[in-house]
Each structure stands twice: as structure tokens, then as C-alpha cells.
PDB file of N, CA and C in Angstrom:
ATOM      1  N   MET A   1      31.453 -26.878 -44.783  1.00  0.00           N
ATOM      2  CA  MET A   1      32.492 -26.491 -45.604  1.00  0.00           C
ATOM      3  C   MET A   1      33.393 -27.615 -45.552  1.00  0.00           C
ATOM      4  N   THR A   2      34.377 -28.024 -46.062  1.00  0.00           N
ATOM      5  CA  THR A   2      35.383 -28.796 -45.538  1.00  0.00           C
ATOM      6  C   THR A   2      36.765 -28.295 -45.457  1.00  0.00           C
ATOM      7  N   ILE A   3      37.673 -29.116 -44.531  1.00  0.00           N
ATOM      8  CA  ILE A   3      39.054 -28.916 -44.421  1.00  0.00           C
ATOM      9  C   ILE A   3      40.092 -29.562 -45.011  1.00  0.00           C
ATOM     10  N   ALA A   4      40.649 -29.281 -45.784  1.00  0.00           N
ATOM     11  CA  ALA A   4      41.768 -30.415 -46.222  1.00  0.00           C
ATOM     12  C   ALA A   4      43.197 -29.703 -46.253  1.00  0.00           C
ATOM     13  N   THR A   5      44.033 -30.550 -46.150  1.00  0.00           N
ATOM     14  CA  THR A   5      45.736 -30.423 -45.873  1.00  0.00           C
ATOM     15  C   THR A   5      45.420 -30.194 -47.866  1.00  0.00           C
ATOM     16  N   ALA A   6      46.956 -28.956 -47.965  1.00  0.00           N
ATOM     17  CA  ALA A   6      46.793 -29.031 -49.636  1.00  0.00           C
ATOM     18  C   ALA A   6      47.930 -30.158 -50.331  1.00  0.00           C
ATOM     19  N   THR A   7      48.590 -31.809 -49.270  1.00  0.00           N
ATOM     20  CA  THR A   7      48.213 -32.020 -49.690  1.00  0.00           C
ATOM     21  C   THR A   7      47.137 -33.014 -50.621  1.00  0.00           C
ATOM     22  N   GLU A   8      46.504 -33.410 -49.729  1.00  0.00           N
ATOM     23  CA  GLU A   8      45.029 -34.172 -49.617  1.00  0.00           C
ATOM     24  C   GLU A   8      44.260 -33.820 -51.104  1.00  0.00           C
ATOM     25  N   VAL A   9      44.406 -32.286 -51.348  1.00  0.00           N
ATOM     26  CA  VAL A   9      44.338 -31.731 -52.600  1.00  0.00           C
ATOM     27  C   VAL A   9      44.522 -32.184 -53.526  1.00  0.00           C
ATOM     28  N   LYS A  10      46.087 -31.927 -53.457  1.00  0.00           N
ATOM     29  CA  LYS A  10      46.586 -32.463 -54.683  1.00  0.00           C
ATOM     30  C   LYS A  10      46.854 -33.953 -54.632  1.00  0.00           C
ATOM     31  N   ASN A  11      46.198 -34.629 -54.074  1.00  0.00           N
ATOM     32  CA  ASN A  11      46.392 -36.057 -54.609  1.00  0.00           C
ATOM     33  C   ASN A  11      44.976 -36.016 -54.808  1.00  0.00           C
ATOM     34  N   ASN A  12      43.936 -35.753 -54.319  1.00  0.00           N
ATOM     35  CA  ASN A  12      42.824 -35.963 -54.616  1.00  0.00           C
ATOM     36  C   ASN A  12      41.916 -35.412 -54.956  1.00  0.00           C
ATOM     37  N   PHE A  13      42.436 -34.581 -56.444  1.00  0.00           N
ATOM     38  CA  PHE A  13      41.723 -32.555 -56.545  1.00  0.00           C
ATOM     39  C   PHE A  13      40.531 -33.062 -57.498  1.00  0.00           C
ATOM     40  N   GLY A  14      40.519 -34.267 -58.388  1.00  0.00           N
ATOM     41  CA  GLY A  14      39.017 -34.599 -58.845  1.00  0.00           C
ATOM     42  C   GLY A  14      37.885 -34.657 -57.397  1.00  0.00           C
ATOM     43  N   PHE A  15      38.061 -35.113 -56.991  1.00  0.00           N
ATOM     44  CA  PHE A  15      37.047 -34.967 -55.767  1.00  0.00           C
ATOM     45  C   PHE A  15      37.272 -33.867 -55.056  1.00  0.00           C
ATOM     46  N   TYR A  16      37.834 -33.201 -54.503  1.00  0.00           N
ATOM     47  CA  TYR A  16      37.339 -31.962 -54.088  1.00  0.00           C
ATOM     48  C   TYR A  16      37.516 -30.605 -54.963  1.00  0.00           C
ATOM     49  N   LEU A  17      37.685 -31.411 -56.300  1.00  0.00           N
ATOM     50  CA  LEU A  17      36.993 -30.108 -57.441  1.00  0.00           C
ATOM     51  C   LEU A  17      34.973 -30.314 -57.283  1.00  0.00           C
ATOM     52  N   ASN A  18      35.122 -31.973 -57.402  1.00  0.00           N
ATOM     53  CA  ASN A  18      33.758 -31.900 -57.960  1.00  0.00           C
ATOM     54  C   ASN A  18      32.122 -31.432 -56.607  1.00  0.00           C
ATOM     55  N   SER A  19      33.191 -31.126 -55.527  1.00  0.00           N
ATOM     56  CA  SER A  19      32.743 -31.535 -54.203  1.00  0.00           C
ATOM     57  C   SER A  19      32.508 -28.992 -54.313  1.00  0.00           C
ATOM     58  N   ALA A  20      33.966 -28.472 -54.788  1.00  0.00           N
ATOM     59  CA  ALA A  20      33.211 -27.259 -54.673  1.00  0.00           C
ATOM     60  C   ALA A  20      32.153 -27.584 -56.066  1.00  0.00           C
ATOM     61  N   ILE A  21      32.046 -28.123 -56.834  1.00  0.00           N
ATOM     62  CA  ILE A  21      31.274 -28.095 -57.472  1.00  0.00           C
ATOM     63  C   ILE A  21      29.523 -27.819 -57.592  1.00  0.00           C
ATOM     64  N   GLU A  22      29.748 -28.844 -56.638  1.00  0.00           N
ATOM     65  CA  GLU A  22      28.300 -29.164 -55.973  1.00  0.00           C
ATOM     66  C   GLU A  22      27.729 -28.156 -54.629  1.00  0.00           C
ATOM     67  N   GLY A  23      28.795 -27.141 -55.115  1.00  0.00           N
ATOM     68  CA  GLY A  23      28.246 -26.111 -54.018  1.00  0.00           C
ATOM     69  C   GLY A  23      28.830 -25.779 -52.118  1.00  0.00           C
ATOM     70  N   ASN A  24      30.611 -26.930 -52.518  1.00  0.00           N
ATOM     71  CA  ASN A  24      30.929 -26.896 -51.255  1.00  0.00           C
ATOM     72  C   ASN A  24      31.944 -26.293 -51.118  1.00  0.00           C
ATOM     73  N   ASP A  25      32.022 -25.653 -49.568  1.00  0.00           N
ATOM     74  CA  ASP A  25      33.473 -24.819 -50.089  1.00  0.00           C
ATOM     75  C   ASP A  25      34.604 -25.809 -48.905  1.00  0.00           C
ATOM     76  N   ILE A  26      35.977 -25.483 -49.835  1.00  0.00           N
ATOM     77  CA  ILE A  26      37.107 -25.947 -49.360  1.00  0.00           C
ATOM     78  C   ILE A  26      37.938 -25.490 -48.725  1.00  0.00           C
ATOM     79  N   VAL A  27      38.816 -25.707 -46.991  1.00  0.00           N
ATOM     80  CA  VAL A  27      38.964 -24.587 -47.113  1.00  0.00           C
ATOM     81  C   VAL A  27      40.030 -25.639 -46.792  1.00  0.00           C
ATOM     82  N   ILE A  28      41.811 -25.172 -47.649  1.00  0.00           N
ATOM     83  CA  ILE A  28      42.961 -25.843 -48.297  1.00  0.00           C
ATOM     84  C   ILE A  28      44.333 -25.580 -46.724  1.00  0.00           C
ATOM     85  N   MET A  29      44.592 -25.739 -45.949  1.00  0.00           N
ATOM     86  CA  MET A  29      45.158 -25.734 -45.120  1.00  0.00           C
ATOM     87  C   MET A  29      46.692 -26.219 -45.392  1.00  0.00           C
ATOM     88  N   LYS A  30      47.535 -25.300 -44.729  1.00  0.00           N
ATOM     89  CA  LYS A  30      49.165 -25.507 -45.376  1.00  0.00           C
ATOM     90  C   LYS A  30      50.163 -25.694 -44.075  1.00  0.00           C
ATOM     91  N   ASN A  31      50.619 -26.451 -43.425  1.00  0.00           N
ATOM     92  CA  ASN A  31      51.537 -26.512 -42.316  1.00  0.00           C
ATOM     93  C   ASN A  31      50.550 -25.762 -40.829  1.00  0.00           C
ATOM     94  N   GLY A  32      49.017 -26.414 -40.496  1.00  0.00           N
ATOM     95  CA  GLY A  32      48.228 -25.727 -40.164  1.00  0.00           C
ATOM     96  C   GLY A  32      47.626 -24.256 -40.386  1.00  0.00           C
ATOM     97  N   LYS A  33      48.129 -23.832 -41.091  1.00  0.00           N
ATOM     98  CA  LYS A  33      47.116 -22.345 -41.530  1.00  0.00           C
ATOM     99  C   LYS A  33      46.863 -21.848 -43.196  1.00  0.00           C
ATOM    100  N   GLU A  34      45.286 -21.614 -42.796  1.00  0.00           N
ATOM    101  CA  GLU A  34      44.781 -21.733 -43.771  1.00  0.00           C
ATOM    102  C   GLU A  34      45.601 -20.689 -45.135  1.00  0.00           C
ATOM    103  N   VAL A  35      45.696 -21.808 -46.554  1.00  0.00           N
ATOM    104  CA  VAL A  35      45.796 -21.330 -47.401  1.00  0.00           C
ATOM    105  C   VAL A  35      45.556 -20.086 -49.050  1.00  0.00           C
ATOM    106  N   ALA A  36      44.129 -21.315 -48.605  1.00  0.00           N
ATOM    107  CA  ALA A  36      43.575 -21.011 -49.890  1.00  0.00           C
ATOM    108  C   ALA A  36      42.099 -21.206 -49.297  1.00  0.00           C
ATOM    109  N   ARG A  37      41.055 -20.981 -50.551  1.00  0.00           N
ATOM    110  CA  ARG A  37      39.704 -21.422 -50.575  1.00  0.00           C
ATOM    111  C   ARG A  37      39.325 -22.168 -52.083  1.00  0.00           C
ATOM    112  N   LEU A  38      38.306 -23.393 -52.374  1.00  0.00           N
ATOM    113  CA  LEU A  38      37.988 -23.904 -53.040  1.00  0.00           C
ATOM    114  C   LEU A  38      36.783 -23.718 -53.081  1.00  0.00           C
ATOM    115  N   ILE A  39      36.060 -22.734 -53.956  1.00  0.00           N
ATOM    116  CA  ILE A  39      34.352 -22.228 -54.715  1.00  0.00           C
ATOM    117  C   ILE A  39      34.103 -22.469 -55.882  1.00  0.00           C
ATOM    118  N   SER A  40      32.702 -22.700 -55.933  1.00  0.00           N
ATOM    119  CA  SER A  40      32.540 -22.822 -57.374  1.00  0.00           C
ATOM    120  C   SER A  40      32.475 -21.377 -57.833  1.00  0.00           C
ATOM    121  N   ASN A  41      32.516 -21.089 -59.514  1.00  0.00           N
ATOM    122  CA  ASN A  41      32.475 -20.336 -59.967  1.00  0.00           C
ATOM    123  C   ASN A  41      31.373 -19.668 -59.579  1.00  0.00           C
ATOM    124  N   THR A  42      29.814 -19.837 -59.269  1.00  0.00           N
ATOM    125  CA  THR A  42      28.948 -18.960 -59.288  1.00  0.00           C
ATOM    126  C   THR A  42      29.248 -18.380 -57.329  1.00  0.00           C
ATOM    127  N   LYS A  43      29.748 -18.962 -56.757  1.00  0.00           N
ATOM    128  CA  LYS A  43      29.971 -18.582 -55.324  1.00  0.00           C
ATOM    129  C   LYS A  43      30.496 -17.350 -55.310  1.00  0.00           C
ATOM    130  N   ALA A  44      31.900 -17.594 -56.280  1.00  0.00           N
ATOM    131  CA  ALA A  44      32.937 -16.309 -56.264  1.00  0.00           C
ATOM    132  C   ALA A  44      32.503 -15.466 -56.920  1.00  0.00           C
ATOM    133  N   ILE A  45      31.493 -15.990 -57.917  1.00  0.00           N
ATOM    134  CA  ILE A  45      30.897 -14.423 -58.047  1.00  0.00           C
ATOM    135  C   ILE A  45      30.264 -13.535 -57.681  1.00  0.00           C
ATOM    136  N   SER A  46      29.637 -13.587 -56.257  1.00  0.00           N
ATOM    137  CA  SER A  46      28.151 -13.523 -55.334  1.00  0.00           C
ATOM    138  C   SER A  46      29.475 -13.146 -53.881  1.00  0.00           C
ATOM    139  N   TYR A  47      30.228 -13.533 -54.215  1.00  0.00           N
ATOM    140  CA  TYR A  47      31.820 -13.404 -52.735  1.00  0.00           C
ATOM    141  C   TYR A  47      31.824 -12.295 -53.150  1.00  0.00           C
ATOM    142  N   LEU A  48      32.417 -12.067 -54.872  1.00  0.00           N
ATOM    143  CA  LEU A  48      32.996 -10.366 -54.954  1.00  0.00           C
ATOM    144  C   LEU A  48      32.093  -9.608 -55.015  1.00  0.00           C
ATOM    145  N   THR A  49      30.615 -10.221 -55.787  1.00  0.00           N
ATOM    146  CA  THR A  49      29.875  -8.876 -55.312  1.00  0.00           C
ATOM    147  C   THR A  49      29.165  -8.729 -54.173  1.00  0.00           C
ATOM    148  N   ASP A  50      28.991  -9.363 -53.530  1.00  0.00           N
ATOM    149  CA  ASP A  50      28.445  -8.915 -52.130  1.00  0.00           C
ATOM    150  C   ASP A  50      29.402  -8.499 -51.058  1.00  0.00           C
ATOM    151  N   SER A  51      31.340  -8.410 -51.152  1.00  0.00           N
ATOM    152  CA  SER A  51      32.430  -7.697 -50.578  1.00  0.00           C
ATOM    153  C   SER A  51      31.867  -6.274 -51.173  1.00  0.00           C
ATOM    154  N   LEU A  52      31.617  -6.208 -52.535  1.00  0.00           N
ATOM    155  CA  LEU A  52      31.530  -4.702 -52.956  1.00  0.00           C
ATOM    156  C   LEU A  52      30.145  -3.966 -52.190  1.00  0.00           C
ATOM    157  N   VAL A  53      29.614  -4.174 -51.723  1.00  0.00           N
ATOM    158  CA  VAL A  53      28.247  -3.436 -50.877  1.00  0.00           C
ATOM    159  C   VAL A  53      28.820  -1.998 -50.383  1.00  0.00           C
ATOM    160  N   GLY A  54      27.947  -1.496 -50.883  1.00  0.00           N
ATOM    161  CA  GLY A  54      28.164  -0.383 -50.611  1.00  0.00           C
ATOM    162  C   GLY A  54      29.517   0.799 -50.852  1.00  0.00           C
ATOM    163  N   VAL A  55      30.373  -0.100 -51.097  1.00  0.00           N
ATOM    164  CA  VAL A  55      31.969   0.207 -52.284  1.00  0.00           C
ATOM    165  C   VAL A  55      31.510   1.264 -52.899  1.00  0.00           C
ATOM    166  N   LEU A  56      30.524   0.338 -54.180  1.00  0.00           N
ATOM    167  CA  LEU A  56      29.993   1.348 -55.329  1.00  0.00           C
ATOM    168  C   LEU A  56      28.873   2.368 -54.726  1.00  0.00           C
ATOM    169  N   ALA A  57      28.389   2.102 -53.976  1.00  0.00           N
ATOM    170  CA  ALA A  57      26.954   3.509 -53.576  1.00  0.00           C
ATOM    171  C   ALA A  57      27.362   4.615 -53.776  1.00  0.00           C
ATOM    172  N   ASN A  58      26.953   5.565 -53.494  1.00  0.00           N
ATOM    173  CA  ASN A  58      27.203   6.960 -53.569  1.00  0.00           C
ATOM    174  C   ASN A  58      27.301   7.566 -51.601  1.00  0.00           C
ATOM    175  N   ASP A  59      28.096   7.027 -51.111  1.00  0.00           N
ATOM    176  CA  ASP A  59      28.090   6.963 -49.978  1.00  0.00           C
ATOM    177  C   ASP A  59      29.791   7.629 -49.709  1.00  0.00           C
ATOM    178  N   TYR A  60      30.126   8.157 -51.071  1.00  0.00           N
ATOM    179  CA  TYR A  60      31.479   8.658 -50.823  1.00  0.00           C
ATOM    180  C   TYR A  60      31.206  10.003 -51.785  1.00  0.00           C
ATOM    181  N   ASP A  61      32.857  10.990 -51.363  1.00  0.00           N
ATOM    182  CA  ASP A  61      33.191  11.994 -52.031  1.00  0.00           C
ATOM    183  C   ASP A  61      34.124  11.481 -53.263  1.00  0.00           C
ATOM    184  N   ASP A  62      33.960  11.178 -54.000  1.00  0.00           N
ATOM    185  CA  ASP A  62      34.727  11.170 -55.124  1.00  0.00           C
ATOM    186  C   ASP A  62      36.527  11.884 -55.572  1.00  0.00           C
ATOM    187  N   LYS A  63      35.680  12.832 -54.801  1.00  0.00           N
ATOM    188  CA  LYS A  63      36.407  13.773 -55.467  1.00  0.00           C
ATOM    189  C   LYS A  63      37.704  14.135 -54.209  1.00  0.00           C
ATOM    190  N   ALA A  64      37.081  13.693 -53.276  1.00  0.00           N
ATOM    191  CA  ALA A  64      38.479  13.526 -52.040  1.00  0.00           C
ATOM    192  C   ALA A  64      38.882  12.827 -51.951  1.00  0.00           C
ATOM    193  N   MET A  65      38.418  11.252 -52.356  1.00  0.00           N
ATOM    194  CA  MET A  65      39.260  10.406 -52.684  1.00  0.00           C
ATOM    195  C   MET A  65      40.584  10.676 -54.028  1.00  0.00           C
ATOM    196  N   LYS A  66      40.026  11.059 -54.555  1.00  0.00           N
ATOM    197  CA  LYS A  66      41.522  11.566 -55.639  1.00  0.00           C
ATOM    198  C   LYS A  66      42.365  12.376 -55.591  1.00  0.00           C
ATOM    199  N   LYS A  67      41.780  13.187 -54.374  1.00  0.00           N
ATOM    200  CA  LYS A  67      42.848  14.121 -54.118  1.00  0.00           C
ATOM    201  C   LYS A  67      43.425  12.973 -53.188  1.00  0.00           C
ATOM    202  N   GLU A  68      43.169  12.239 -52.181  1.00  0.00           N
ATOM    203  CA  GLU A  68      43.529  12.144 -51.044  1.00  0.00           C
ATOM    204  C   GLU A  68      44.956  10.629 -51.962  1.00  0.00           C
ATOM    205  N   ARG A  69      44.285  10.144 -52.989  1.00  0.00           N
ATOM    206  CA  ARG A  69      45.407   9.281 -53.840  1.00  0.00           C
ATOM    207  C   ARG A  69      46.181   9.828 -54.625  1.00  0.00           C
ATOM    208  N   PHE A  70      46.003  11.533 -55.089  1.00  0.00           N
ATOM    209  CA  PHE A  70      47.061  11.784 -55.623  1.00  0.00           C
ATOM    210  C   PHE A  70      48.528  12.668 -54.464  1.00  0.00           C
ATOM    211  N   SER A  71      48.016  13.201 -53.551  1.00  0.00           N
ATOM    212  CA  SER A  71      48.639  13.668 -52.198  1.00  0.00           C
ATOM    213  C   SER A  71      49.796  11.823 -52.198  1.00  0.00           C
ATOM    214  N   ARG A  72      49.150  11.382 -51.907  1.00  0.00           N
ATOM    215  CA  ARG A  72      50.365  10.060 -52.067  1.00  0.00           C
ATOM    216  C   ARG A  72      51.343   9.816 -52.751  1.00  0.00           C
ATOM    217  N   GLN A  73      51.472  10.156 -53.854  1.00  0.00           N
ATOM    218  CA  GLN A  73      52.094  10.052 -54.931  1.00  0.00           C
ATOM    219  C   GLN A  73      53.518  10.639 -54.914  1.00  0.00           C
TER     220      GLN A  73
END
């Protein structure tokens, strides 16, 4: 993982883009805080699907969830 400021990424975007393409994660900082990450498209897809594990499993009651959602309106 590489950490870079927003200004560094702005001034050297091609370098950081190639680094992401090669599979490296780039954490972008602004004013000392993490504000974004630059990752390859293939990593982004696996990151999203990994975060859904369990969410789409049959371990929830869809009728109860619908009832809860409609009660908020």
C-alpha cells in the first residue's frame, strides 16, 4: 500500500495510475486524513463482492426487513 497526498497524486497521476494497474493500493490523504483510495478495477470488484458476503445469504427475514423499511416512511 502506498500513501500519497492529494497534491502528489494530482501532479503524478500517471505514476499512481500505473501503480494501481499493477495491483498496488494507493491511499490518498488530504490535510492529514485519508480521503480516498485508488485501486485497480479487478480489486474493486472483488472488494465489493467480498463486502456483500452474508448480506445476500438466506440468513435474513425479507418480510421483516420490508416491514421495517415501510415503517420508517
